[in-house]
């Protein structure tokens, strides 16, 4: 059983920055992969970034060079640092834990204004 709680979302102007967090609790496995996904109304949920237990990262082409995913194993927390935000980055951002079973957080809203 894994519980995920996202926080840090909000309203930011285009070109600004925001850092969102995902705090995990329960029987966390170090080798697990964690990721951030986002979904805009009427659109498919898409992968934004992921990070494995060994630290390997993967980013969507649309956010490469702007977003950075990191993981603090001591705090069981995953972060997404978002810089140079664009209106198209707007959406609900969800945290995902992957190890056998998959778990999702409740999501946090990120809105980027023009």
PDB file of N, CA and C in Angstrom:
ATOM      1  N   UNK A   1       0.836  -1.181   0.000  1.00  0.00           N
ATOM      2  CA  UNK A   1       0.000   0.000   0.000  1.00  0.00           C
ATOM      3  C   UNK A   1       0.883   1.247   0.000  1.00  0.00           C
ATOM      4  N   UNK A   2       0.631   2.121  -0.962  1.00  0.00           N
ATOM      5  CA  UNK A   2       1.379   3.358  -1.102  1.00  0.00           C
ATOM      6  C   UNK A   2       0.403   4.521  -1.209  1.00  0.00           C
ATOM      7  N   UNK A   3       0.701   5.573  -0.486  1.00  0.00           N
ATOM      8  CA  UNK A   3      -0.096   6.786  -0.549  1.00  0.00           C
ATOM      9  C   UNK A   3       0.764   7.916  -1.095  1.00  0.00           C
ATOM     10  N   UNK A   4       0.194   8.716  -1.986  1.00  0.00           N
ATOM     11  CA  UNK A   4       0.909   9.814  -2.621  1.00  0.00           C
ATOM     12  C   UNK A   4       0.121  11.103  -2.432  1.00  0.00           C
ATOM     13  N   UNK A   5       0.801  12.144  -2.009  1.00  0.00           N
ATOM     14  CA  UNK A   5       0.161  13.433  -1.794  1.00  0.00           C
ATOM     15  C   UNK A   5       0.965  14.510  -2.501  1.00  0.00           C
ATOM     16  N   UNK A   6       0.353  15.126  -3.511  1.00  0.00           N
ATOM     17  CA  UNK A   6       1.005  16.207  -4.240  1.00  0.00           C
ATOM     18  C   UNK A   6       0.705  17.548  -3.579  1.00  0.00           C
ATOM     19  N   UNK A   7       1.605  18.480  -3.771  1.00  0.00           N
ATOM     20  CA  UNK A   7       1.408  19.825  -3.260  1.00  0.00           C
ATOM     21  C   UNK A   7       2.254  20.796  -4.073  1.00  0.00           C
ATOM     22  N   UNK A   8       1.965  22.073  -3.943  1.00  0.00           N
ATOM     23  CA  UNK A   8       2.775  23.103  -4.568  1.00  0.00           C
ATOM     24  C   UNK A   8       2.211  23.705  -5.828  1.00  0.00           C
ATOM     25  N   UNK A   9       1.089  23.204  -6.307  1.00  0.00           N
ATOM     26  CA  UNK A   9       0.490  23.765  -7.504  1.00  0.00           C
ATOM     27  C   UNK A   9      -0.064  25.150  -7.246  1.00  0.00           C
ATOM     28  N   UNK A  10      -0.369  25.842  -8.325  1.00  0.00           N
ATOM     29  CA  UNK A  10      -0.911  27.180  -8.193  1.00  0.00           C
ATOM     30  C   UNK A  10      -0.929  27.910  -9.512  1.00  0.00           C
ATOM     31  N   UNK A  11      -1.110  29.210  -9.423  1.00  0.00           N
ATOM     32  CA  UNK A  11      -1.160  30.080 -10.591  1.00  0.00           C
ATOM     33  C   UNK A  11       0.168  30.797 -10.751  1.00  0.00           C
ATOM     34  N   UNK A  12       0.698  30.770 -11.957  1.00  0.00           N
ATOM     35  CA  UNK A  12       1.970  31.426 -12.235  1.00  0.00           C
ATOM     36  C   UNK A  12       1.907  32.059 -13.622  1.00  0.00           C
ATOM     37  N   UNK A  13       2.613  33.158 -13.794  1.00  0.00           N
ATOM     38  CA  UNK A  13       2.659  33.823 -15.088  1.00  0.00           C
ATOM     39  C   UNK A  13       3.615  33.114 -16.035  1.00  0.00           C
ATOM     40  N   UNK A  14       3.349  33.231 -17.322  1.00  0.00           N
ATOM     41  CA  UNK A  14       4.236  32.656 -18.329  1.00  0.00           C
ATOM     42  C   UNK A  14       5.657  33.156 -18.113  1.00  0.00           C
ATOM     43  N   UNK A  15       6.603  32.235 -18.214  1.00  0.00           N
ATOM     44  CA  UNK A  15       7.994  32.565 -17.982  1.00  0.00           C
ATOM     45  C   UNK A  15       8.430  32.363 -16.544  1.00  0.00           C
ATOM     46  N   UNK A  16       7.482  32.137 -15.664  1.00  0.00           N
ATOM     47  CA  UNK A  16       7.789  31.950 -14.262  1.00  0.00           C
ATOM     48  C   UNK A  16       8.165  30.526 -13.925  1.00  0.00           C
ATOM     49  N   UNK A  17       8.362  30.288 -12.630  1.00  0.00           N
ATOM     50  CA  UNK A  17       8.786  28.977 -12.150  1.00  0.00           C
ATOM     51  C   UNK A  17       7.890  28.489 -11.027  1.00  0.00           C
ATOM     52  N   UNK A  18       7.864  27.187 -10.864  1.00  0.00           N
ATOM     53  CA  UNK A  18       7.077  26.568  -9.819  1.00  0.00           C
ATOM     54  C   UNK A  18       7.701  25.216  -9.490  1.00  0.00           C
ATOM     55  N   UNK A  19       7.684  24.844  -8.222  1.00  0.00           N
ATOM     56  CA  UNK A  19       8.136  23.519  -7.820  1.00  0.00           C
ATOM     57  C   UNK A  19       7.010  22.795  -7.114  1.00  0.00           C
ATOM     58  N   UNK A  20       6.668  21.623  -7.629  1.00  0.00           N
ATOM     59  CA  UNK A  20       5.637  20.811  -7.012  1.00  0.00           C
ATOM     60  C   UNK A  20       6.281  19.585  -6.375  1.00  0.00           C
ATOM     61  N   UNK A  21       5.625  19.069  -5.346  1.00  0.00           N
ATOM     62  CA  UNK A  21       6.178  17.970  -4.568  1.00  0.00           C
ATOM     63  C   UNK A  21       5.199  16.817  -4.490  1.00  0.00           C
ATOM     64  N   UNK A  22       5.736  15.629  -4.314  1.00  0.00           N
ATOM     65  CA  UNK A  22       4.944  14.429  -4.107  1.00  0.00           C
ATOM     66  C   UNK A  22       5.540  13.670  -2.936  1.00  0.00           C
ATOM     67  N   UNK A  23       4.810  13.628  -1.840  1.00  0.00           N
ATOM     68  CA  UNK A  23       5.246  12.910  -0.655  1.00  0.00           C
ATOM     69  C   UNK A  23       4.637  11.518  -0.648  1.00  0.00           C
ATOM     70  N   UNK A  24       5.485  10.504  -0.598  1.00  0.00           N
ATOM     71  CA  UNK A  24       5.040   9.121  -0.612  1.00  0.00           C
ATOM     72  C   UNK A  24       5.144   8.509   0.775  1.00  0.00           C
ATOM     73  N   UNK A  25       4.200   7.660   1.094  1.00  0.00           N
ATOM     74  CA  UNK A  25       4.226   6.950   2.366  1.00  0.00           C
ATOM     75  C   UNK A  25       3.735   5.523   2.159  1.00  0.00           C
ATOM     76  N   UNK A  26       4.041   4.661   3.114  1.00  0.00           N
ATOM     77  CA  UNK A  26       3.693   3.263   3.002  1.00  0.00           C
ATOM     78  C   UNK A  26       4.928   2.423   2.753  1.00  0.00           C
ATOM     79  N   UNK A  27       4.740   1.265   2.121  1.00  0.00           N
ATOM     80  CA  UNK A  27       5.862   0.367   1.864  1.00  0.00           C
ATOM     81  C   UNK A  27       6.567   0.741   0.567  1.00  0.00           C
ATOM     82  N   UNK A  28       7.355   1.800   0.639  1.00  0.00           N
ATOM     83  CA  UNK A  28       8.069   2.320  -0.527  1.00  0.00           C
ATOM     84  C   UNK A  28       9.285   1.450  -0.824  1.00  0.00           C
ATOM     85  N   UNK A  29       9.433   1.073  -2.094  1.00  0.00           N
ATOM     86  CA  UNK A  29      10.578   0.304  -2.560  1.00  0.00           C
ATOM     87  C   UNK A  29      11.540   1.235  -3.273  1.00  0.00           C
ATOM     88  N   UNK A  30      12.807   1.187  -2.892  1.00  0.00           N
ATOM     89  CA  UNK A  30      13.798   2.087  -3.457  1.00  0.00           C
ATOM     90  C   UNK A  30      13.931   1.942  -4.971  1.00  0.00           C
ATOM     91  N   UNK A  31      13.774   0.725  -5.490  1.00  0.00           N
ATOM     92  CA  UNK A  31      13.942   0.475  -6.911  1.00  0.00           C
ATOM     93  C   UNK A  31      12.749   0.914  -7.750  1.00  0.00           C
ATOM     94  N   UNK A  32      11.734   1.416  -7.107  1.00  0.00           N
ATOM     95  CA  UNK A  32      10.549   1.834  -7.826  1.00  0.00           C
ATOM     96  C   UNK A  32      10.819   3.028  -8.728  1.00  0.00           C
ATOM     97  N   UNK A  33       9.993   3.150  -9.750  1.00  0.00           N
ATOM     98  CA  UNK A  33      10.023   4.314 -10.624  1.00  0.00           C
ATOM     99  C   UNK A  33       8.890   5.250 -10.226  1.00  0.00           C
ATOM    100  N   UNK A  34       9.176   6.522 -10.198  1.00  0.00           N
ATOM    101  CA  UNK A  34       8.154   7.504  -9.910  1.00  0.00           C
ATOM    102  C   UNK A  34       8.118   8.526 -11.033  1.00  0.00           C
ATOM    103  N   UNK A  35       6.959   9.072 -11.258  1.00  0.00           N
ATOM    104  CA  UNK A  35       6.838  10.006 -12.355  1.00  0.00           C
ATOM    105  C   UNK A  35       5.781  11.057 -12.133  1.00  0.00           C
ATOM    106  N   UNK A  36       5.862  12.080 -12.949  1.00  0.00           N
ATOM    107  CA  UNK A  36       4.866  13.131 -12.990  1.00  0.00           C
ATOM    108  C   UNK A  36       4.139  13.068 -14.323  1.00  0.00           C
ATOM    109  N   UNK A  37       2.831  13.104 -14.267  1.00  0.00           N
ATOM    110  CA  UNK A  37       1.972  13.145 -15.439  1.00  0.00           C
ATOM    111  C   UNK A  37       1.083  14.373 -15.336  1.00  0.00           C
ATOM    112  N   UNK A  38       0.584  14.817 -16.471  1.00  0.00           N
ATOM    113  CA  UNK A  38      -0.335  15.945 -16.443  1.00  0.00           C
ATOM    114  C   UNK A  38      -1.488  15.702 -17.406  1.00  0.00           C
ATOM    115  N   UNK A  39      -2.592  16.352 -17.109  1.00  0.00           N
ATOM    116  CA  UNK A  39      -3.782  16.207 -17.928  1.00  0.00           C
ATOM    117  C   UNK A  39      -4.535  17.522 -18.003  1.00  0.00           C
ATOM    118  N   UNK A  40      -4.802  17.953 -19.217  1.00  0.00           N
ATOM    119  CA  UNK A  40      -5.623  19.123 -19.459  1.00  0.00           C
ATOM    120  C   UNK A  40      -7.037  18.655 -19.775  1.00  0.00           C
ATOM    121  N   UNK A  41      -8.050  19.489 -19.532  1.00  0.00           N
ATOM    122  CA  UNK A  41      -9.440  19.103 -19.815  1.00  0.00           C
ATOM    123  C   UNK A  41      -9.624  18.627 -21.252  1.00  0.00           C
ATOM    124  N   UNK A  42     -10.249  17.465 -21.413  1.00  0.00           N
ATOM    125  CA  UNK A  42     -10.511  16.926 -22.732  1.00  0.00           C
ATOM    126  C   UNK A  42      -9.326  16.288 -23.416  1.00  0.00           C
ATOM    127  N   UNK A  43      -8.200  16.188 -22.724  1.00  0.00           N
ATOM    128  CA  UNK A  43      -7.010  15.614 -23.320  1.00  0.00           C
ATOM    129  C   UNK A  43      -6.543  14.387 -22.549  1.00  0.00           C
ATOM    130  N   UNK A  44      -5.707  13.598 -23.198  1.00  0.00           N
ATOM    131  CA  UNK A  44      -5.141  12.411 -22.577  1.00  0.00           C
ATOM    132  C   UNK A  44      -4.118  12.795 -21.511  1.00  0.00           C
ATOM    133  N   UNK A  45      -4.039  11.981 -20.472  1.00  0.00           N
ATOM    134  CA  UNK A  45      -3.001  12.169 -19.487  1.00  0.00           C
ATOM    135  C   UNK A  45      -1.662  11.777 -20.116  1.00  0.00           C
ATOM    136  N   UNK A  46      -0.657  12.611 -19.945  1.00  0.00           N
ATOM    137  CA  UNK A  46       0.626  12.383 -20.586  1.00  0.00           C
ATOM    138  C   UNK A  46       1.772  12.403 -19.584  1.00  0.00           C
ATOM    139  N   UNK A  47       2.790  11.638 -19.909  1.00  0.00           N
ATOM    140  CA  UNK A  47       3.993  11.615 -19.083  1.00  0.00           C
ATOM    141  C   UNK A  47       4.742  12.926 -19.239  1.00  0.00           C
ATOM    142  N   UNK A  48       5.132  13.504 -18.123  1.00  0.00           N
ATOM    143  CA  UNK A  48       5.955  14.707 -18.114  1.00  0.00           C
ATOM    144  C   UNK A  48       7.405  14.345 -17.831  1.00  0.00           C
ATOM    145  N   UNK A  49       7.627  13.595 -16.768  1.00  0.00           N
ATOM    146  CA  UNK A  49       8.973  13.187 -16.388  1.00  0.00           C
ATOM    147  C   UNK A  49       8.893  11.988 -15.465  1.00  0.00           C
ATOM    148  N   UNK A  50       9.925  11.164 -15.483  1.00  0.00           N
ATOM    149  CA  UNK A  50       9.994  10.021 -14.589  1.00  0.00           C
ATOM    150  C   UNK A  50      11.421   9.851 -14.095  1.00  0.00           C
ATOM    151  N   UNK A  51      11.551   9.143 -12.985  1.00  0.00           N
ATOM    152  CA  UNK A  51      12.869   8.890 -12.418  1.00  0.00           C
ATOM    153  C   UNK A  51      12.869   7.505 -11.786  1.00  0.00           C
ATOM    154  N   UNK A  52      13.895   6.720 -12.079  1.00  0.00           N
ATOM    155  CA  UNK A  52      13.992   5.370 -11.554  1.00  0.00           C
ATOM    156  C   UNK A  52      14.693   5.380 -10.211  1.00  0.00           C
ATOM    157  N   UNK A  53      14.721   4.202  -9.564  1.00  0.00           N
ATOM    158  CA  UNK A  53      15.406   4.075  -8.296  1.00  0.00           C
ATOM    159  C   UNK A  53      16.903   4.284  -8.402  1.00  0.00           C
ATOM    160  N   UNK A  54      17.460   4.117  -9.594  1.00  0.00           N
ATOM    161  CA  UNK A  54      18.878   4.333  -9.813  1.00  0.00           C
ATOM    162  C   UNK A  54      19.187   5.751 -10.287  1.00  0.00           C
ATOM    163  N   UNK A  55      18.145   6.576 -10.423  1.00  0.00           N
ATOM    164  CA  UNK A  55      18.352   7.962 -10.776  1.00  0.00           C
ATOM    165  C   UNK A  55      18.235   8.299 -12.243  1.00  0.00           C
ATOM    166  N   UNK A  56      17.915   7.334 -13.075  1.00  0.00           N
ATOM    167  CA  UNK A  56      17.743   7.614 -14.503  1.00  0.00           C
ATOM    168  C   UNK A  56      16.456   8.388 -14.721  1.00  0.00           C
ATOM    169  N   UNK A  57      16.540   9.422 -15.539  1.00  0.00           N
ATOM    170  CA  UNK A  57      15.394  10.292 -15.784  1.00  0.00           C
ATOM    171  C   UNK A  57      14.946  10.231 -17.230  1.00  0.00           C
ATOM    172  N   UNK A  58      13.685  10.558 -17.427  1.00  0.00           N
ATOM    173  CA  UNK A  58      13.101  10.612 -18.753  1.00  0.00           C
ATOM    174  C   UNK A  58      12.145  11.794 -18.787  1.00  0.00           C
ATOM    175  N   UNK A  59      12.189  12.561 -19.878  1.00  0.00           N
ATOM    176  CA  UNK A  59      11.355  13.745 -20.003  1.00  0.00           C
ATOM    177  C   UNK A  59      10.603  13.751 -21.315  1.00  0.00           C
ATOM    178  N   UNK A  60       9.413  14.310 -21.279  1.00  0.00           N
ATOM    179  CA  UNK A  60       8.700  14.580 -22.513  1.00  0.00           C
ATOM    180  C   UNK A  60       9.471  15.632 -23.298  1.00  0.00           C
ATOM    181  N   UNK A  61       9.455  15.510 -24.616  1.00  0.00           N
ATOM    182  CA  UNK A  61      10.189  16.460 -25.449  1.00  0.00           C
ATOM    183  C   UNK A  61       9.768  17.906 -25.180  1.00  0.00           C
ATOM    184  N   UNK A  62       8.507  18.099 -24.867  1.00  0.00           N
ATOM    185  CA  UNK A  62       7.982  19.437 -24.679  1.00  0.00           C
ATOM    186  C   UNK A  62       8.516  20.146 -23.442  1.00  0.00           C
ATOM    187  N   UNK A  63       9.097  19.393 -22.504  1.00  0.00           N
ATOM    188  CA  UNK A  63       9.575  20.011 -21.265  1.00  0.00           C
ATOM    189  C   UNK A  63      11.078  19.889 -21.086  1.00  0.00           C
ATOM    190  N   UNK A  64      11.758  19.227 -21.991  1.00  0.00           N
ATOM    191  CA  UNK A  64      13.202  19.067 -21.877  1.00  0.00           C
ATOM    192  C   UNK A  64      13.896  20.425 -21.834  1.00  0.00           C
ATOM    193  N   UNK A  65      14.815  20.561 -20.903  1.00  0.00           N
ATOM    194  CA  UNK A  65      15.535  21.807 -20.745  1.00  0.00           C
ATOM    195  C   UNK A  65      14.840  22.804 -19.855  1.00  0.00           C
ATOM    196  N   UNK A  66      13.578  22.557 -19.520  1.00  0.00           N
ATOM    197  CA  UNK A  66      12.810  23.474 -18.677  1.00  0.00           C
ATOM    198  C   UNK A  66      12.434  22.857 -17.334  1.00  0.00           C
ATOM    199  N   UNK A  67      12.132  21.565 -17.328  1.00  0.00           N
ATOM    200  CA  UNK A  67      11.708  20.871 -16.119  1.00  0.00           C
ATOM    201  C   UNK A  67      12.808  19.945 -15.621  1.00  0.00           C
ATOM    202  N   UNK A  68      12.858  19.757 -14.314  1.00  0.00           N
ATOM    203  CA  UNK A  68      13.803  18.834 -13.704  1.00  0.00           C
ATOM    204  C   UNK A  68      13.101  18.011 -12.632  1.00  0.00           C
ATOM    205  N   UNK A  69      13.196  16.697 -12.742  1.00  0.00           N
ATOM    206  CA  UNK A  69      12.637  15.813 -11.738  1.00  0.00           C
ATOM    207  C   UNK A  69      13.759  15.351 -10.816  1.00  0.00           C
ATOM    208  N   UNK A  70      13.475  15.280  -9.537  1.00  0.00           N
ATOM    209  CA  UNK A  70      14.459  14.832  -8.566  1.00  0.00           C
ATOM    210  C   UNK A  70      13.772  14.002  -7.493  1.00  0.00           C
ATOM    211  N   UNK A  71      14.582  13.263  -6.751  1.00  0.00           N
ATOM    212  CA  UNK A  71      14.035  12.337  -5.759  1.00  0.00           C
ATOM    213  C   UNK A  71      14.888  12.358  -4.509  1.00  0.00           C
ATOM    214  N   UNK A  72      14.235  12.487  -3.375  1.00  0.00           N
ATOM    215  CA  UNK A  72      14.895  12.461  -2.083  1.00  0.00           C
ATOM    216  C   UNK A  72      14.458  11.172  -1.383  1.00  0.00           C
ATOM    217  N   UNK A  73      15.330  10.169  -1.369  1.00  0.00           N
ATOM    218  CA  UNK A  73      14.974   8.881  -0.794  1.00  0.00           C
ATOM    219  C   UNK A  73      14.793   8.954   0.717  1.00  0.00           C
ATOM    220  N   UNK A  74      15.512   9.856   1.366  1.00  0.00           N
ATOM    221  CA  UNK A  74      15.386  10.004   2.809  1.00  0.00           C
ATOM    222  C   UNK A  74      13.997  10.492   3.190  1.00  0.00           C
ATOM    223  N   UNK A  75      13.471  11.416   2.409  1.00  0.00           N
ATOM    224  CA  UNK A  75      12.158  11.990   2.685  1.00  0.00           C
ATOM    225  C   UNK A  75      11.033  11.304   1.915  1.00  0.00           C
ATOM    226  N   UNK A  76      11.378  10.342   1.056  1.00  0.00           N
ATOM    227  CA  UNK A  76      10.389   9.681   0.196  1.00  0.00           C
ATOM    228  C   UNK A  76       9.554  10.704  -0.564  1.00  0.00           C
ATOM    229  N   UNK A  77      10.244  11.664  -1.134  1.00  0.00           N
ATOM    230  CA  UNK A  77       9.584  12.753  -1.830  1.00  0.00           C
ATOM    231  C   UNK A  77      10.192  12.947  -3.214  1.00  0.00           C
ATOM    232  N   UNK A  78       9.335  13.183  -4.191  1.00  0.00           N
ATOM    233  CA  UNK A  78       9.750  13.472  -5.556  1.00  0.00           C
ATOM    234  C   UNK A  78       9.332  14.898  -5.885  1.00  0.00           C
ATOM    235  N   UNK A  79      10.204  15.610  -6.559  1.00  0.00           N
ATOM    236  CA  UNK A  79       9.953  16.995  -6.901  1.00  0.00           C
ATOM    237  C   UNK A  79       9.959  17.183  -8.411  1.00  0.00           C
ATOM    238  N   UNK A  80       9.251  18.196  -8.853  1.00  0.00           N
ATOM    239  CA  UNK A  80       9.316  18.617 -10.234  1.00  0.00           C
ATOM    240  C   UNK A  80       9.528  20.122 -10.247  1.00  0.00           C
ATOM    241  N   UNK A  81      10.721  20.533 -10.634  1.00  0.00           N
ATOM    242  CA  UNK A  81      11.038  21.943 -10.771  1.00  0.00           C
ATOM    243  C   UNK A  81      10.682  22.376 -12.183  1.00  0.00           C
ATOM    244  N   UNK A  82       9.790  23.332 -12.299  1.00  0.00           N
ATOM    245  CA  UNK A  82       9.304  23.784 -13.593  1.00  0.00           C
ATOM    246  C   UNK A  82       9.724  25.224 -13.813  1.00  0.00           C
ATOM    247  N   UNK A  83      10.530  25.442 -14.836  1.00  0.00           N
ATOM    248  CA  UNK A  83      11.009  26.766 -15.185  1.00  0.00           C
ATOM    249  C   UNK A  83      10.511  27.159 -16.570  1.00  0.00           C
ATOM    250  N   UNK A  84      10.578  28.448 -16.852  1.00  0.00           N
ATOM    251  CA  UNK A  84      10.153  28.968 -18.152  1.00  0.00           C
ATOM    252  C   UNK A  84       8.787  28.430 -18.546  1.00  0.00           C
ATOM    253  N   UNK A  85       7.856  28.515 -17.630  1.00  0.00           N
ATOM    254  CA  UNK A  85       6.533  27.940 -17.841  1.00  0.00           C
ATOM    255  C   UNK A  85       5.784  28.625 -18.975  1.00  0.00           C
ATOM    256  N   UNK A  86       5.028  27.818 -19.691  1.00  0.00           N
ATOM    257  CA  UNK A  86       4.228  28.273 -20.817  1.00  0.00           C
ATOM    258  C   UNK A  86       2.755  27.972 -20.552  1.00  0.00           C
ATOM    259  N   UNK A  87       1.840  28.711 -21.180  1.00  0.00           N
ATOM    260  CA  UNK A  87       0.412  28.425 -20.985  1.00  0.00           C
ATOM    261  C   UNK A  87       0.051  26.971 -21.303  1.00  0.00           C
ATOM    262  N   UNK A  88       0.721  26.359 -22.259  1.00  0.00           N
ATOM    263  CA  UNK A  88       0.439  24.974 -22.609  1.00  0.00           C
ATOM    264  C   UNK A  88       0.872  23.976 -21.543  1.00  0.00           C
ATOM    265  N   UNK A  89       1.571  24.443 -20.516  1.00  0.00           N
ATOM    266  CA  UNK A  89       1.919  23.587 -19.389  1.00  0.00           C
ATOM    267  C   UNK A  89       0.772  23.452 -18.398  1.00  0.00           C
ATOM    268  N   UNK A  90      -0.282  24.212 -18.591  1.00  0.00           N
ATOM    269  CA  UNK A  90      -1.430  24.197 -17.695  1.00  0.00           C
ATOM    270  C   UNK A  90      -2.083  22.816 -17.650  1.00  0.00           C
ATOM    271  N   UNK A  91      -2.429  22.368 -16.463  1.00  0.00           N
ATOM    272  CA  UNK A  91      -3.103  21.097 -16.304  1.00  0.00           C
ATOM    273  C   UNK A  91      -3.033  20.622 -14.874  1.00  0.00           C
ATOM    274  N   UNK A  92      -3.654  19.493 -14.628  1.00  0.00           N
ATOM    275  CA  UNK A  92      -3.549  18.846 -13.331  1.00  0.00           C
ATOM    276  C   UNK A  92      -2.354  17.905 -13.375  1.00  0.00           C
ATOM    277  N   UNK A  93      -1.454  18.069 -12.445  1.00  0.00           N
ATOM    278  CA  UNK A  93      -0.246  17.259 -12.393  1.00  0.00           C
ATOM    279  C   UNK A  93      -0.410  16.159 -11.356  1.00  0.00           C
ATOM    280  N   UNK A  94      -0.183  14.925 -11.796  1.00  0.00           N
ATOM    281  CA  UNK A  94      -0.359  13.754 -10.957  1.00  0.00           C
ATOM    282  C   UNK A  94       0.966  13.057 -10.712  1.00  0.00           C
ATOM    283  N   UNK A  95       1.146  12.590  -9.502  1.00  0.00           N
ATOM    284  CA  UNK A  95       2.306  11.797  -9.135  1.00  0.00           C
ATOM    285  C   UNK A  95       1.960  10.320  -9.271  1.00  0.00           C
ATOM    286  N   UNK A  96       2.903   9.529  -9.781  1.00  0.00           N
ATOM    287  CA  UNK A  96       2.684   8.101  -9.975  1.00  0.00           C
ATOM    288  C   UNK A  96       3.832   7.291  -9.394  1.00  0.00           C
ATOM    289  N   UNK A  97       3.488   6.217  -8.710  1.00  0.00           N
ATOM    290  CA  UNK A  97       4.454   5.268  -8.160  1.00  0.00           C
ATOM    291  C   UNK A  97       4.285   3.950  -8.894  1.00  0.00           C
ATOM    292  N   UNK A  98       5.393   3.372  -9.362  1.00  0.00           N
ATOM    293  CA  UNK A  98       5.339   2.153 -10.157  1.00  0.00           C
ATOM    294  C   UNK A  98       6.297   1.105  -9.620  1.00  0.00           C
ATOM    295  N   UNK A  99       5.749   0.052  -9.051  1.00  0.00           N
ATOM    296  CA  UNK A  99       6.497  -1.115  -8.619  1.00  0.00           C
ATOM    297  C   UNK A  99       5.507  -2.251  -8.442  1.00  0.00           C
ATOM    298  N   UNK A 100       5.341  -3.041  -9.497  1.00  0.00           N
ATOM    299  CA  UNK A 100       4.325  -4.072  -9.501  1.00  0.00           C
ATOM    300  C   UNK A 100       2.966  -3.435  -9.706  1.00  0.00           C
ATOM    301  N   UNK A 101       2.417  -2.920  -8.633  1.00  0.00           N
ATOM    302  CA  UNK A 101       1.189  -2.148  -8.710  1.00  0.00           C
ATOM    303  C   UNK A 101       1.507  -0.683  -8.999  1.00  0.00           C
ATOM    304  N   UNK A 102       0.524   0.037  -9.481  1.00  0.00           N
ATOM    305  CA  UNK A 102       0.671   1.452  -9.768  1.00  0.00           C
ATOM    306  C   UNK A 102      -0.248   2.253  -8.862  1.00  0.00           C
ATOM    307  N   UNK A 103       0.274   3.340  -8.335  1.00  0.00           N
ATOM    308  CA  UNK A 103      -0.492   4.204  -7.451  1.00  0.00           C
ATOM    309  C   UNK A 103      -0.428   5.633  -7.964  1.00  0.00           C
ATOM    310  N   UNK A 104      -1.524   6.344  -7.786  1.00  0.00           N
ATOM    311  CA  UNK A 104      -1.637   7.734  -8.218  1.00  0.00           C
ATOM    312  C   UNK A 104      -1.990   8.639  -7.051  1.00  0.00           C
ATOM    313  N   UNK A 105      -1.484   9.850  -7.099  1.00  0.00           N
ATOM    314  CA  UNK A 105      -1.887  10.867  -6.156  1.00  0.00           C
ATOM    315  C   UNK A 105      -3.165  11.526  -6.620  1.00  0.00           C
ATOM    316  N   UNK A 106      -3.644  12.485  -5.849  1.00  0.00           N
ATOM    317  CA  UNK A 106      -4.908  13.143  -6.166  1.00  0.00           C
ATOM    318  C   UNK A 106      -4.756  14.253  -7.198  1.00  0.00           C
ATOM    319  N   UNK A 107      -3.541  14.681  -7.444  1.00  0.00           N
ATOM    320  CA  UNK A 107      -3.269  15.713  -8.424  1.00  0.00           C
ATOM    321  C   UNK A 107      -3.197  17.100  -7.816  1.00  0.00           C
ATOM    322  N   UNK A 108      -2.447  17.961  -8.461  1.00  0.00           N
ATOM    323  CA  UNK A 108      -2.368  19.355  -8.058  1.00  0.00           C
ATOM    324  C   UNK A 108      -2.457  20.223  -9.309  1.00  0.00           C
ATOM    325  N   UNK A 109      -3.266  21.258  -9.238  1.00  0.00           N
ATOM    326  CA  UNK A 109      -3.529  22.108 -10.397  1.00  0.00           C
ATOM    327  C   UNK A 109      -2.396  23.099 -10.617  1.00  0.00           C
ATOM    328  N   UNK A 110      -1.927  23.159 -11.856  1.00  0.00           N
ATOM    329  CA  UNK A 110      -0.940  24.151 -12.266  1.00  0.00           C
ATOM    330  C   UNK A 110      -1.549  24.965 -13.399  1.00  0.00           C
ATOM    331  N   UNK A 111      -1.644  26.260 -13.202  1.00  0.00           N
ATOM    332  CA  UNK A 111      -2.207  27.143 -14.212  1.00  0.00           C
ATOM    333  C   UNK A 111      -1.186  28.209 -14.582  1.00  0.00           C
ATOM    334  N   UNK A 112      -0.886  28.292 -15.863  1.00  0.00           N
ATOM    335  CA  UNK A 112       0.075  29.273 -16.362  1.00  0.00           C
ATOM    336  C   UNK A 112      -0.687  30.299 -17.191  1.00  0.00           C
ATOM    337  N   UNK A 113      -0.649  31.536 -16.768  1.00  0.00           N
ATOM    338  CA  UNK A 113      -1.369  32.603 -17.449  1.00  0.00           C
ATOM    339  C   UNK A 113      -0.486  33.270 -18.486  1.00  0.00           C
ATOM    340  N   UNK A 114      -1.144  33.872 -19.492  1.00  0.00           N
ATOM    341  CA  UNK A 114      -0.427  34.585 -20.544  1.00  0.00           C
ATOM    342  C   UNK A 114      -0.009  35.964 -20.086  1.00  0.00           C
TER     343      UNK A 114
END
